[in-house]
C-alpha atoms as a PDB file:
ATOM      1  CA  MET A   1       2.224  49.067-224.263  1.00  0.00           C
ATOM      2  CA  SER A   2      -0.771  51.251-223.408  1.00  0.00           C
ATOM      3  CA  ASP A   3      -1.464  54.754-224.726  1.00  0.00           C
ATOM      4  CA  GLN A   4      -0.249  56.082-221.389  1.00  0.00           C
ATOM      5  CA  ASP A   5       3.153  54.349-221.476  1.00  0.00           C
ATOM      6  CA  CYS A   6       4.899  56.493-224.072  1.00  0.00           C
ATOM      7  CA  CYS A   7       8.604  55.748-224.026  1.00  0.00           C
ATOM      8  CA  CYS A   8      11.786  56.950-225.648  1.00  0.00           C
ATOM      9  CA  ASP A   9      14.934  54.749-225.424  1.00  0.00           C
ATOM     10  CA  GLY A  10      13.275  52.772-222.669  1.00  0.00           C
ATOM     11  CA  GLU A  11      12.567  55.837-220.526  1.00  0.00           C
ATOM     12  CA  PRO A  12       9.135  57.407-219.899  1.00  0.00           C
ATOM     13  CA  LEU A  13       8.527  60.378-222.161  1.00  0.00           C
ATOM     14  CA  SER A  14       7.795  63.663-220.407  1.00  0.00           C
ATOM     15  CA  VAL A  15       6.190  66.261-222.653  1.00  0.00           C
ATOM     16  CA  SER A  16       7.287  69.897-222.721  1.00  0.00           C
ATOM     17  CA  VAL A  17       5.660  73.074-224.022  1.00  0.00           C
ATOM     18  CA  GLY A  18       5.554  73.069-227.815  1.00  0.00           C
ATOM     19  CA  MET A  19       5.500  69.287-228.091  1.00  0.00           C
ATOM     20  CA  GLU A  20       2.626  67.188-229.391  1.00  0.00           C
ATOM     21  CA  VAL A  21       1.066  65.267-226.512  1.00  0.00           C
ATOM     22  CA  PRO A  22       0.694  61.518-227.119  1.00  0.00           C
ATOM     23  CA  ASN A  23      -2.735  60.042-226.607  1.00  0.00           C
ATOM     24  CA  PHE A  24      -3.668  59.044-223.083  1.00  0.00           C
ATOM     25  CA  VAL A  25      -6.720  57.369-221.586  1.00  0.00           C
ATOM     26  CA  MET A  26      -7.920  57.683-218.009  1.00  0.00           C
ATOM     27  CA  ASP A  27     -10.823  56.712-215.805  1.00  0.00           C
ATOM     28  CA  VAL A  28     -13.031  59.607-214.746  1.00  0.00           C
ATOM     29  CA  PHE A  29     -15.867  60.383-212.387  1.00  0.00           C
ATOM     30  CA  ASP A  30     -18.531  62.644-213.916  1.00  0.00           C
ATOM     31  CA  PRO A  31     -20.188  64.591-211.053  1.00  0.00           C
ATOM     32  CA  VAL A  32     -23.095  65.702-213.272  1.00  0.00           C
ATOM     33  CA  ASP A  33     -24.190  62.220-214.299  1.00  0.00           C
ATOM     34  CA  ARG A  34     -22.764  60.653-211.135  1.00  0.00           C
ATOM     35  CA  ALA A  35     -21.195  58.045-213.380  1.00  0.00           C
ATOM     36  CA  PHE A  36     -17.819  56.490-214.048  1.00  0.00           C
ATOM     37  CA  GLY A  37     -16.333  56.489-217.521  1.00  0.00           C
ATOM     38  CA  LYS A  38     -13.179  56.996-219.559  1.00  0.00           C
ATOM     39  CA  ILE A  39     -11.769  59.945-221.473  1.00  0.00           C
ATOM     40  CA  SER A  40      -8.959  60.110-224.024  1.00  0.00           C
ATOM     41  CA  LEU A  41      -7.016  62.932-225.608  1.00  0.00           C
ATOM     42  CA  ASP A  42      -7.831  61.568-229.065  1.00  0.00           C
ATOM     43  CA  GLU A  43     -11.537  61.824-228.263  1.00  0.00           C
ATOM     44  CA  LEU A  44     -11.180  65.455-227.182  1.00  0.00           C
ATOM     45  CA  LYS A  45      -9.137  66.329-230.271  1.00  0.00           C
ATOM     46  CA  LYS A  46     -11.863  64.870-232.497  1.00  0.00           C
ATOM     47  CA  LYS A  47     -14.296  67.236-230.785  1.00  0.00           C
ATOM     48  CA  SER A  48     -11.869  70.171-231.361  1.00  0.00           C
ATOM     49  CA  LYS A  49     -11.659  70.733-227.609  1.00  0.00           C
ATOM     50  CA  TRP A  50      -8.977  72.540-225.688  1.00  0.00           C
ATOM     51  CA  THR A  51      -7.902  70.153-222.930  1.00  0.00           C
ATOM     52  CA  VAL A  52      -7.145  71.616-219.504  1.00  0.00           C
ATOM     53  CA  LEU A  53      -5.559  69.196-217.036  1.00  0.00           C
ATOM     54  CA  VAL A  54      -5.373  70.308-213.413  1.00  0.00           C
ATOM     55  CA  PHE A  55      -3.250  67.906-211.356  1.00  0.00           C
ATOM     56  CA  TYR A  56      -3.425  68.036-207.562  1.00  0.00           C
ATOM     57  CA  PRO A  57      -1.861  65.891-204.821  1.00  0.00           C
ATOM     58  CA  ALA A  58      -4.770  64.010-203.251  1.00  0.00           C
ATOM     59  CA  ASP A  59      -8.417  63.800-202.295  1.00  0.00           C
ATOM     60  CA  PHE A  60      -9.370  64.487-198.669  1.00  0.00           C
ATOM     61  CA  THR A  61      -6.546  66.994-198.214  1.00  0.00           C
ATOM     62  CA  PHE A  62      -6.504  70.695-197.400  1.00  0.00           C
ATOM     63  CA  VAL A  63      -5.376  73.103-200.142  1.00  0.00           C
ATOM     64  CA  CYS A  64      -6.778  70.836-202.867  1.00  0.00           C
ATOM     65  CA  PRO A  65     -10.510  71.409-202.233  1.00  0.00           C
ATOM     66  CA  THR A  66      -9.966  75.178-202.229  1.00  0.00           C
ATOM     67  CA  GLU A  67      -8.339  74.910-205.650  1.00  0.00           C
ATOM     68  CA  LEU A  68     -11.032  72.675-207.101  1.00  0.00           C
ATOM     69  CA  ALA A  69     -13.755  74.976-205.741  1.00  0.00           C
ATOM     70  CA  ASP A  70     -12.047  77.991-207.335  1.00  0.00           C
ATOM     71  CA  LEU A  71     -11.803  76.056-210.603  1.00  0.00           C
ATOM     72  CA  ALA A  72     -15.511  75.222-210.371  1.00  0.00           C
ATOM     73  CA  ASP A  73     -16.310  78.940-210.135  1.00  0.00           C
ATOM     74  CA  LYS A  74     -14.504  79.495-213.474  1.00  0.00           C
ATOM     75  CA  HIS A  75     -15.663  76.321-215.213  1.00  0.00           C
ATOM     76  CA  ALA A  76     -18.484  78.005-217.157  1.00  0.00           C
ATOM     77  CA  GLU A  77     -16.038  80.557-218.605  1.00  0.00           C
ATOM     78  CA  LEU A  78     -13.625  77.825-219.612  1.00  0.00           C
ATOM     79  CA  LYS A  79     -16.420  75.838-221.279  1.00  0.00           C
ATOM     80  CA  LYS A  80     -17.400  78.917-223.308  1.00  0.00           C
ATOM     81  CA  LEU A  81     -13.827  79.040-224.584  1.00  0.00           C
ATOM     82  CA  GLY A  82     -14.163  75.466-225.826  1.00  0.00           C
ATOM     83  CA  ALA A  83     -12.202  73.806-223.034  1.00  0.00           C
ATOM     84  CA  GLU A  84     -12.757  70.425-221.419  1.00  0.00           C
ATOM     85  CA  VAL A  85     -11.550  70.691-217.833  1.00  0.00           C
ATOM     86  CA  ILE A  86     -10.292  67.577-216.042  1.00  0.00           C
ATOM     87  CA  SER A  87      -8.924  67.555-212.516  1.00  0.00           C
ATOM     88  CA  VAL A  88      -6.445  64.722-211.982  1.00  0.00           C
ATOM     89  CA  SER A  89      -4.896  63.014-208.971  1.00  0.00           C
ATOM     90  CA  THR A  90      -3.456  59.599-208.239  1.00  0.00           C
ATOM     91  CA  ASP A  91      -6.613  58.676-206.324  1.00  0.00           C
ATOM     92  CA  THR A  92      -9.178  56.316-207.867  1.00  0.00           C
ATOM     93  CA  HIS A  93     -12.414  57.489-209.430  1.00  0.00           C
ATOM     94  CA  PHE A  94     -14.183  55.793-206.500  1.00  0.00           C
ATOM     95  CA  ALA A  95     -12.357  58.077-204.069  1.00  0.00           C
ATOM     96  CA  HIS A  96     -13.312  61.083-206.203  1.00  0.00           C
ATOM     97  CA  LEU A  97     -16.997  60.241-205.817  1.00  0.00           C
ATOM     98  CA  ALA A  98     -16.714  59.845-202.053  1.00  0.00           C
ATOM     99  CA  TRP A  99     -14.711  63.071-201.657  1.00  0.00           C
ATOM    100  CA  ARG A 100     -17.030  65.088-203.849  1.00  0.00           C
ATOM    101  CA  ASP A 101     -20.000  63.893-201.776  1.00  0.00           C
ATOM    102  CA  SER A 102     -18.409  64.627-198.394  1.00  0.00           C
ATOM    103  CA  GLU A 103     -16.515  67.908-198.949  1.00  0.00           C
ATOM    104  CA  ARG A 104     -18.863  70.921-199.053  1.00  0.00           C
ATOM    105  CA  LEU A 105     -16.305  73.013-200.938  1.00  0.00           C
ATOM    106  CA  LEU A 106     -16.784  70.679-203.912  1.00  0.00           C
ATOM    107  CA  THR A 107     -20.556  71.147-204.203  1.00  0.00           C
ATOM    108  CA  LYS A 108     -20.248  73.114-207.459  1.00  0.00           C
ATOM    109  CA  VAL A 109     -17.641  70.844-209.075  1.00  0.00           C
ATOM    110  CA  ASP A 110     -19.215  69.605-212.320  1.00  0.00           C
ATOM    111  CA  TYR A 111     -16.121  68.986-214.448  1.00  0.00           C
ATOM    112  CA  LEU A 112     -14.619  65.540-214.944  1.00  0.00           C
ATOM    113  CA  MET A 113     -12.435  64.197-212.141  1.00  0.00           C
ATOM    114  CA  GLY A 114      -9.663  62.027-213.590  1.00  0.00           C
ATOM    115  CA  ALA A 115      -8.017  59.076-211.857  1.00  0.00           C
ATOM    116  CA  ASP A 116      -4.333  58.256-212.363  1.00  0.00           C
ATOM    117  CA  PRO A 117      -3.614  55.626-209.673  1.00  0.00           C
ATOM    118  CA  ASN A 118      -0.613  54.153-211.511  1.00  0.00           C
ATOM    119  CA  GLY A 119       0.926  57.603-212.038  1.00  0.00           C
ATOM    120  CA  ASN A 120       1.468  57.121-215.777  1.00  0.00           C
ATOM    121  CA  ILE A 121      -0.241  60.334-216.853  1.00  0.00           C
ATOM    122  CA  SER A 122       1.377  62.301-214.032  1.00  0.00           C
ATOM    123  CA  ARG A 123       4.763  61.028-215.209  1.00  0.00           C
ATOM    124  CA  LEU A 124       3.940  61.982-218.790  1.00  0.00           C
ATOM    125  CA  PHE A 125       3.500  65.599-217.678  1.00  0.00           C
ATOM    126  CA  GLY A 126       6.457  65.537-215.282  1.00  0.00           C
ATOM    127  CA  VAL A 127       4.482  66.101-212.076  1.00  0.00           C
ATOM    128  CA  TYR A 128       4.720  62.664-210.458  1.00  0.00           C
ATOM    129  CA  ASP A 129       6.550  62.635-207.124  1.00  0.00           C
ATOM    130  CA  GLU A 130       8.157  59.197-206.900  1.00  0.00           C
ATOM    131  CA  ALA A 131       8.822  59.611-203.175  1.00  0.00           C
ATOM    132  CA  SER A 132       5.190  60.193-202.216  1.00  0.00           C
ATOM    133  CA  GLY A 133       3.297  58.652-205.126  1.00  0.00           C
ATOM    134  CA  LEU A 134       1.382  61.917-205.487  1.00  0.00           C
ATOM    135  CA  ALA A 135       1.148  64.517-208.231  1.00  0.00           C
ATOM    136  CA  LEU A 136       2.407  68.069-207.800  1.00  0.00           C
ATOM    137  CA  ARG A 137       0.067  70.975-208.582  1.00  0.00           C
ATOM    138  CA  GLY A 138       0.435  71.019-212.349  1.00  0.00           C
ATOM    139  CA  THR A 139      -1.760  72.873-214.827  1.00  0.00           C
ATOM    140  CA  PHE A 140      -1.516  72.062-218.534  1.00  0.00           C
ATOM    141  CA  ILE A 141      -3.337  73.449-221.572  1.00  0.00           C
ATOM    142  CA  ILE A 142      -3.414  71.326-224.729  1.00  0.00           C
ATOM    143  CA  SER A 143      -4.628  72.794-228.011  1.00  0.00           C
ATOM    144  CA  PRO A 144      -7.289  71.108-230.167  1.00  0.00           C
ATOM    145  CA  LEU A 145      -4.381  70.037-232.388  1.00  0.00           C
ATOM    146  CA  GLY A 146      -2.794  68.184-229.487  1.00  0.00           C
ATOM    147  CA  LYS A 147       0.091  70.584-228.785  1.00  0.00           C
ATOM    148  CA  LEU A 148       1.039  71.464-225.223  1.00  0.00           C
ATOM    149  CA  VAL A 149       0.872  75.270-225.072  1.00  0.00           C
ATOM    150  CA  THR A 150       0.969  76.005-221.331  1.00  0.00           C
ATOM    151  CA  SER A 151       2.661  74.312-218.391  1.00  0.00           C
ATOM    152  CA  GLU A 152       2.639  75.459-214.763  1.00  0.00           C
ATOM    153  CA  VAL A 153       3.844  73.435-211.781  1.00  0.00           C
ATOM    154  CA  ASN A 154       3.621  74.404-208.105  1.00  0.00           C
ATOM    155  CA  PHE A 155       4.844  72.543-205.045  1.00  0.00           C
ATOM    156  CA  TYR A 156       2.372  71.045-202.577  1.00  0.00           C
ATOM    157  CA  ASN A 157       1.895  74.106-200.382  1.00  0.00           C
ATOM    158  CA  VAL A 158       1.019  76.794-202.970  1.00  0.00           C
ATOM    159  CA  GLY A 159      -2.503  76.933-204.387  1.00  0.00           C
ATOM    160  CA  ARG A 160      -3.380  78.298-207.810  1.00  0.00           C
ATOM    161  CA  ASP A 161      -5.714  81.011-209.120  1.00  0.00           C
ATOM    162  CA  ALA A 162      -8.252  79.850-211.715  1.00  0.00           C
ATOM    163  CA  SER A 163      -8.684  83.411-213.004  1.00  0.00           C
ATOM    164  CA  GLU A 164      -5.177  83.253-214.465  1.00  0.00           C
ATOM    165  CA  LEU A 165      -6.028  79.912-216.059  1.00  0.00           C
ATOM    166  CA  VAL A 166      -9.010  81.495-217.806  1.00  0.00           C
ATOM    167  CA  ARG A 167      -6.770  84.311-219.061  1.00  0.00           C
ATOM    168  CA  LYS A 168      -4.229  81.849-220.438  1.00  0.00           C
ATOM    169  CA  VAL A 169      -6.857  79.720-222.182  1.00  0.00           C
ATOM    170  CA  ALA A 170      -8.462  82.838-223.703  1.00  0.00           C
ATOM    171  CA  ALA A 171      -5.075  84.050-224.954  1.00  0.00           C
ATOM    172  CA  ASN A 172      -4.244  80.695-226.519  1.00  0.00           C
ATOM    173  CA  VAL A 173      -7.665  80.471-228.176  1.00  0.00           C
ATOM    174  CA  TYR A 174      -7.127  83.930-229.665  1.00  0.00           C
ATOM    175  CA  LEU A 175      -3.594  83.164-230.839  1.00  0.00           C
ATOM    176  CA  LEU A 176      -4.602  79.928-232.531  1.00  0.00           C
ATOM    177  CA  ALA A 177      -6.872  82.046-234.751  1.00  0.00           C
ATOM    178  CA  HIS A 178      -4.308  84.879-235.064  1.00  0.00           C
ATOM    179  CA  PRO A 179      -0.899  83.172-235.270  1.00  0.00           C
ATOM    180  CA  ASP A 180       0.922  86.331-236.425  1.00  0.00           C
ATOM    181  CA  GLU A 181       0.070  88.145-233.179  1.00  0.00           C
ATOM    182  CA  ALA A 182       1.282  87.926-229.575  1.00  0.00           C
ATOM    183  CA  CYS A 183      -0.432  88.678-226.262  1.00  0.00           C
ATOM    184  CA  PRO A 184       1.452  90.999-223.878  1.00  0.00           C
ATOM    185  CA  ALA A 185       1.508  90.711-220.086  1.00  0.00           C
ATOM    186  CA  LYS A 186      -1.910  90.788-218.387  1.00  0.00           C
ATOM    187  CA  TRP A 187      -3.668  90.527-221.767  1.00  0.00           C
ATOM    188  CA  LYS A 188      -7.395  89.910-221.567  1.00  0.00           C
ATOM    189  CA  GLN A 189     -10.043  89.420-224.253  1.00  0.00           C
ATOM    190  CA  GLY A 190     -10.550  92.618-226.219  1.00  0.00           C
ATOM    191  CA  ALA A 191      -7.219  94.144-225.211  1.00  0.00           C
ATOM    192  CA  LYS A 192      -4.572  95.213-227.707  1.00  0.00           C
ATOM    193  CA  THR A 193      -2.185  92.584-229.034  1.00  0.00           C
ATOM    194  CA  LEU A 194       1.228  92.878-230.665  1.00  0.00           C
ATOM    195  CA  LYS A 195       2.208  92.059-234.243  1.00  0.00           C
ATOM    196  CA  PRO A 196       5.971  91.535-233.992  1.00  0.00           C
ATOM    197  CA  ASN A 197       8.027  93.045-236.815  1.00  0.00           C
ATOM    198  CA  GLU A 198      11.334  94.815-237.329  1.00  0.00           C
ATOM    199  CA  LYS A 199       9.780  98.275-236.768  1.00  0.00           C
ATOM    200  CA  MET A 200       8.658  97.262-233.280  1.00  0.00           C
ATOM    201  CA  VAL A 201      12.159  96.432-231.995  1.00  0.00           C
ATOM    202  CA  GLY A 202      12.799  98.809-229.077  1.00  0.00           C
ATOM    203  CA  LYS A 203       9.405 100.433-229.715  1.00  0.00           C
ATOM    204  CA  VAL A 204       6.974  98.165-227.873  1.00  0.00           C
ATOM    205  CA  TYR A 205       5.692 101.051-225.744  1.00  0.00           C
ATOM    206  CA  GLU A 206       4.686 102.944-228.866  1.00  0.00           C
ATOM    207  CA  ALA A 207       3.013  99.835-230.297  1.00  0.00           C
ATOM    208  CA  LEU A 208       0.909  99.394-227.153  1.00  0.00           C
ATOM    209  CA  HIS A 209       0.107 103.016-226.480  1.00  0.00           C
ATOM    210  CA  GLY A 210       0.270 104.620-229.930  1.00  0.00           C
END
């Protein structure tokens, strides 16, 4: 059994928020070095990286390049937060190279492009569509400790906003260092946080605006 084929009672394991993610290994295309390689979760954990997986349905499609271009615009911010960004589809790493070279929207893509042609990693995160063999638009944030802290899944026809991904990564980075605090809605770096306690019950307004 490979690292990707994590099973429980004979059934594929699908991870949920709060669970530790089992190790996985996948082929990648590195647009910066224009080289093929492999990446594993264990490797990223050893480097104390936050792992951001951005699943999308397929190369050479329509909404997908707009999403990957938007992600490329925010990649530098995510790197500063200590995140390794990997886009993932069920295409091969060879197809990733060809698509990146032909689609002008992908000119600035310099993060790793992961290949999951057998769908094992997509199944692990619960985004594999058995009917089509494609992955839904799933975004997952894994802490340096290997815990899944954020999960978002959209259907094929709704694109995502990378600005919200940056906000979520920043919040999780902050909370890992400040576990007794919580980030309210629309929290951004430098904004006020909450320290839940019995005195705050029914008095959240006062805690935020006092």
